[in-house]
Amino acid sequence: MPKMNFTQSKKFGDRLEKSIALNFIENQYPGCTIKSPDDTGEFRDEDNLAVPDHLVYQKGKLVAMYESKNKKSIYNTFDSVEAFFSIDEKVKDYQAIAKKHGVGCYAIFYNQERFPDVLFTVDVAQAPGFYRAVDNAWGNHWYGYYLSQCEKHQLKPKHNVNISENDLKTLGDKIKGPYDAMITHALEILENCTPAKSNRPMSAEKLRHWKIQIPRCKSNIKIYEAIFNLFSVGEGMGLGDRNYKNKINWS
């Protein structure tokens, strides 16, 4: 298999780190805030320990850390008991930084080829089952977590319908309710149109546009109309006014 260049490798890793892993963590910690070294610019702390990909906060307090590993291969070498997910020597840093802050630090492993609908997680406080001394570009130590050491999490399959009739019904049921609840539900419907959840996602530009426009709607009726018209365009229905249709279908 040809070696990936940096851009290809980053794109491959980002698929887990920037979408699948975030959705998984948000489901584990409802209402959490997730920060990453990419956001803060701090990839190592004051003790020179590597900072994991995802720092999870609830009510302003650090509650967990996660490191994302999108793996092209699952190894099974002659000196391993079973197949394992490879992890480099930074696992020692993750163990130390978790102990330092008194929170759990977990590795998230994903391999699309063999397990397209499953995430594997392991608390790195647990010692990796596999080890071999090496000398390569990634360091002098090669660690691995056996599949049996990991917890499995079934991923929800992606859908083919971004905005459904049931979405319209549940949103319509909120028309007479609080404005903030209407906004929240409309944004949740838009979240179903993202690449992480849809086989036919909206473009990033279009999603960004409507995530800004929805909170600017001045009433619950206007919020409903915006989502209904997005649904109508997605179903290929005409909206009558060509200029308005172009606005709704903006991308």
Protein backbone atom coordinates (compact mmCIF):
# COMPACT_ATOMS: atom_id res chain seq x y z
CA MET A 1 0.00 0.00 0.00
CA PRO A 2 1.47 3.41 -0.98
CA LYS A 3 2.51 5.61 1.93
CA MET A 4 0.14 8.54 2.51
CA ASN A 5 1.50 12.07 2.38
CA PHE A 6 0.85 14.46 5.28
CA THR A 7 -2.34 15.94 3.76
CA GLN A 8 -3.84 12.52 3.07
CA SER A 9 -2.86 11.25 6.51
CA LYS A 10 -4.38 14.28 8.25
CA LYS A 11 -7.62 13.95 6.27
CA PHE A 12 -7.77 10.26 7.22
CA GLY A 13 -7.28 11.05 10.92
CA ASP A 14 -9.66 14.01 10.89
CA ARG A 15 -12.58 11.78 9.87
CA LEU A 16 -12.50 10.27 13.35
CA GLU A 17 -11.15 13.18 15.35
CA LYS A 18 -13.34 15.94 13.88
CA SER A 19 -16.65 14.13 13.49
CA ILE A 20 -17.19 10.54 14.68
CA ALA A 21 -15.30 10.93 17.96
CA LEU A 22 -16.96 14.25 18.81
CA ASN A 23 -20.44 12.79 18.32
CA PHE A 24 -19.51 9.78 20.46
CA ILE A 25 -18.12 11.93 23.30
CA GLU A 26 -21.13 14.29 23.22
CA ASN A 27 -23.43 11.28 23.60
CA GLN A 28 -21.36 10.07 26.57
CA TYR A 29 -21.35 13.51 28.23
CA PRO A 30 -24.54 15.41 27.31
CA GLY A 31 -24.09 19.17 27.33
CA CYS A 32 -20.32 18.94 27.52
CA THR A 33 -17.74 21.30 26.04
CA ILE A 34 -14.89 19.67 24.12
CA LYS A 35 -11.55 21.43 23.69
CA SER A 36 -8.60 20.21 21.66
CA PRO A 37 -4.93 21.14 21.32
CA ASP A 38 -5.82 22.41 17.83
CA ASP A 39 -8.09 24.99 19.51
CA THR A 40 -5.73 26.00 22.32
CA GLY A 41 -2.41 25.62 20.49
CA GLU A 42 -1.09 23.68 23.51
CA PHE A 43 -0.01 20.21 22.42
CA ARG A 44 2.10 19.61 25.54
CA ASP A 45 1.51 20.85 29.07
CA GLU A 46 3.90 22.54 31.49
CA ASP A 47 5.38 19.13 32.39
CA ASN A 48 5.96 18.34 28.68
CA LEU A 49 3.23 15.69 28.72
CA ALA A 50 1.38 15.14 25.42
CA VAL A 51 -2.17 16.53 25.58
CA PRO A 52 -4.86 14.16 24.21
CA ASP A 53 -7.05 15.15 21.25
CA HIS A 54 -10.19 15.86 23.29
CA LEU A 55 -10.50 17.50 26.70
CA VAL A 56 -14.06 17.09 27.98
CA TYR A 57 -15.58 19.69 30.32
CA GLN A 58 -18.93 19.74 32.10
CA LYS A 59 -19.95 22.87 34.00
CA GLY A 60 -16.44 24.21 33.50
CA LYS A 61 -14.77 21.18 35.10
CA LEU A 62 -12.47 18.74 33.29
CA VAL A 63 -14.16 15.33 33.50
CA ALA A 64 -12.37 13.15 30.91
CA MET A 65 -9.79 13.03 28.12
CA TYR A 66 -9.87 11.12 24.83
CA GLU A 67 -7.24 10.36 22.20
CA SER A 68 -8.54 9.46 18.72
CA LYS A 69 -6.82 6.75 16.67
CA ASN A 70 -8.22 6.19 13.17
CA LYS A 71 -6.40 2.97 12.22
CA LYS A 72 -5.86 1.64 8.71
CA SER A 73 -4.63 -1.68 10.15
CA ILE A 74 -5.25 -3.99 13.08
CA TYR A 75 -2.09 -5.91 13.87
CA ASN A 76 -1.60 -9.56 14.73
CA THR A 77 2.15 -10.26 14.89
CA PHE A 78 3.93 -13.52 15.65
CA ASP A 79 4.60 -12.40 19.24
CA SER A 80 1.08 -11.15 20.00
CA VAL A 81 -1.60 -13.21 21.69
CA GLU A 82 -4.37 -11.75 19.51
CA ALA A 83 -5.10 -8.85 17.18
CA PHE A 84 -4.45 -5.42 18.66
CA PHE A 85 -4.76 -1.70 17.97
CA SER A 86 -1.35 -0.06 17.76
CA ILE A 87 -0.51 2.93 19.95
CA ASP A 88 2.81 4.75 20.25
CA GLU A 89 4.83 5.59 23.35
CA LYS A 90 2.79 8.72 24.06
CA VAL A 91 0.44 6.34 25.88
CA LYS A 92 2.79 6.83 28.85
CA ASP A 93 2.17 10.58 28.68
CA TYR A 94 -1.58 9.99 28.56
CA GLN A 95 -1.38 7.78 31.63
CA ALA A 96 0.60 10.45 33.47
CA ILE A 97 -1.59 13.39 32.48
CA ALA A 98 -4.75 11.52 33.44
CA LYS A 99 -3.32 10.72 36.87
CA LYS A 100 -2.15 14.32 37.25
CA HIS A 101 -5.67 15.69 36.71
CA GLY A 102 -7.51 12.83 38.39
CA VAL A 103 -9.71 11.99 35.40
CA GLY A 104 -10.02 9.06 33.02
CA CYS A 105 -8.13 9.17 29.74
CA TYR A 106 -9.40 6.93 26.96
CA ALA A 107 -8.14 5.92 23.54
CA ILE A 108 -10.76 5.71 20.79
CA PHE A 109 -9.88 3.25 18.02
CA TYR A 110 -11.68 3.02 14.70
CA ASN A 111 -10.99 0.75 11.75
CA GLN A 112 -13.45 1.27 8.90
CA GLU A 113 -12.37 -1.72 6.85
CA ARG A 114 -13.02 -4.42 9.46
CA PHE A 115 -15.43 -2.69 11.84
CA PRO A 116 -17.24 0.12 9.95
CA ASP A 117 -20.02 0.45 12.55
CA VAL A 118 -18.04 0.01 15.77
CA LEU A 119 -15.83 2.22 17.94
CA PHE A 120 -13.45 0.64 20.43
CA THR A 121 -12.42 2.47 23.60
CA VAL A 122 -9.96 1.64 26.36
CA ASP A 123 -8.95 3.42 29.55
CA VAL A 124 -5.21 3.99 29.11
CA ALA A 125 -4.71 3.48 32.85
CA GLN A 126 -4.88 -0.17 31.80
CA ALA A 127 -1.49 -1.42 30.64
CA PRO A 128 -1.30 -2.20 26.91
CA GLY A 129 -1.31 -5.95 26.40
CA PHE A 130 1.25 -5.82 23.58
CA TYR A 131 4.76 -4.36 23.72
CA ARG A 132 7.85 -4.56 21.54
CA ALA A 133 11.07 -2.55 21.59
CA VAL A 134 11.54 -0.88 18.20
CA ASP A 135 13.60 1.84 16.59
CA ASN A 136 11.64 3.79 13.99
CA ALA A 137 10.26 7.22 13.15
CA TRP A 138 7.63 6.95 15.90
CA GLY A 139 10.00 6.15 18.74
CA ASN A 140 11.66 3.26 20.54
CA HIS A 141 8.57 1.58 21.98
CA TRP A 142 5.58 -0.05 20.31
CA TYR A 143 2.46 -0.68 22.37
CA GLY A 144 -0.90 -2.16 21.53
CA TYR A 145 -4.28 -2.77 23.11
CA TYR A 146 -5.80 -6.16 22.32
CA LEU A 147 -9.37 -6.07 21.06
CA SER A 148 -10.40 -8.01 24.17
CA GLN A 149 -9.09 -5.13 26.31
CA CYS A 150 -11.39 -2.65 24.58
CA GLU A 151 -15.05 -1.80 25.05
CA LYS A 152 -17.18 -1.89 21.89
CA HIS A 153 -19.63 0.88 20.99
CA GLN A 154 -22.05 0.39 18.10
CA LEU A 155 -22.23 3.39 15.79
CA LYS A 156 -25.60 4.42 14.47
CA PRO A 157 -25.76 3.91 10.70
CA LYS A 158 -25.95 7.07 8.63
CA HIS A 159 -29.33 8.02 7.17
CA ASN A 160 -30.28 9.01 3.62
CA VAL A 161 -32.96 11.58 4.54
CA ASN A 162 -31.62 14.74 6.16
CA ILE A 163 -34.94 16.31 7.20
CA SER A 164 -37.84 13.91 7.61
CA GLU A 165 -41.59 14.32 7.93
CA ASN A 166 -41.23 13.25 11.56
CA ASP A 167 -38.74 16.10 12.09
CA LEU A 168 -41.36 18.53 10.80
CA LYS A 169 -43.98 17.03 13.11
CA THR A 170 -41.82 17.23 16.24
CA LEU A 171 -40.77 20.77 15.35
CA GLY A 172 -44.39 21.73 14.66
CA ASP A 173 -45.40 20.40 18.08
CA LYS A 174 -43.12 23.03 19.61
CA ILE A 175 -44.53 26.04 17.73
CA LYS A 176 -46.62 27.16 20.70
CA GLY A 177 -43.81 26.48 23.15
CA PRO A 178 -40.75 28.48 24.25
CA TYR A 179 -38.75 30.21 21.53
CA ASP A 180 -35.41 28.89 22.85
CA ALA A 181 -36.65 25.29 22.72
CA MET A 182 -37.75 25.84 19.11
CA ILE A 183 -34.30 27.17 18.18
CA THR A 184 -32.57 24.25 19.91
CA HIS A 185 -34.69 21.64 18.13
CA ALA A 186 -34.25 23.29 14.73
CA LEU A 187 -30.46 23.27 15.18
CA GLU A 188 -30.61 19.60 16.19
CA ILE A 189 -32.44 18.87 12.92
CA LEU A 190 -29.68 20.68 11.01
CA GLU A 191 -27.09 18.58 12.87
CA ASN A 192 -28.65 15.51 11.23
CA CYS A 193 -27.56 16.97 7.88
CA THR A 194 -23.84 16.77 8.72
CA PRO A 195 -21.39 14.30 7.12
CA ALA A 196 -21.11 12.43 10.44
CA LYS A 197 -24.81 11.50 10.35
CA SER A 198 -25.89 11.65 6.71
CA ASN A 199 -25.02 9.79 3.52
CA ARG A 200 -26.24 12.86 1.63
CA PRO A 201 -24.96 15.75 3.78
CA MET A 202 -25.52 19.41 3.16
CA SER A 203 -22.43 21.31 2.12
CA ALA A 204 -20.41 22.80 4.98
CA GLU A 205 -21.13 26.32 3.66
CA LYS A 206 -24.87 25.73 3.56
CA LEU A 207 -24.92 24.25 7.06
CA ARG A 208 -22.88 27.13 8.41
CA HIS A 209 -25.25 29.61 6.75
CA TRP A 210 -28.40 28.09 8.24
CA LYS A 211 -26.91 27.60 11.69
CA ILE A 212 -26.47 31.38 11.68
CA GLN A 213 -29.83 32.21 10.06
CA ILE A 214 -32.08 30.01 12.22
CA PRO A 215 -31.31 31.88 15.49
CA ARG A 216 -32.05 35.13 13.64
CA CYS A 217 -35.64 34.07 12.93
CA LYS A 218 -37.96 36.35 14.89
CA SER A 219 -40.67 33.82 15.79
CA ASN A 220 -41.40 30.11 16.11
CA ILE A 221 -43.42 30.24 12.90
CA LYS A 222 -40.45 31.69 10.99
CA ILE A 223 -38.18 28.95 12.37
CA TYR A 224 -40.65 26.29 11.24
CA GLU A 225 -40.99 27.88 7.81
CA ALA A 226 -37.21 27.84 7.29
CA ILE A 227 -36.90 24.14 8.19
CA PHE A 228 -40.02 23.26 6.17
CA ASN A 229 -38.63 25.00 3.09
CA LEU A 230 -35.27 23.24 3.47
CA PHE A 231 -37.24 19.98 3.66
CA SER A 232 -39.23 20.94 0.55
CA VAL A 233 -36.12 21.72 -1.50
CA GLY A 234 -34.59 18.41 -0.38
CA GLU A 235 -37.72 16.61 -1.62
CA GLY A 236 -37.59 18.45 -4.95
CA MET A 237 -40.80 20.40 -4.30
CA GLY A 238 -41.30 23.82 -5.85
CA LEU A 239 -41.52 26.89 -3.64
CA GLY A 240 -43.19 29.21 -6.12
CA ASP A 241 -40.89 32.20 -5.70
CA ARG A 242 -37.63 31.46 -7.61
CA ASN A 243 -35.61 34.04 -5.66
CA TYR A 244 -36.80 32.63 -2.34
CA LYS A 245 -36.07 29.08 -3.50
CA ASN A 246 -32.54 30.14 -4.46
CA LYS A 247 -32.11 31.68 -1.01
CA ILE A 248 -33.29 28.51 0.74
CA ASN A 249 -31.12 26.33 -1.49
CA TRP A 250 -28.07 28.53 -0.89
CA SER A 251 -24.76 26.73 -0.77
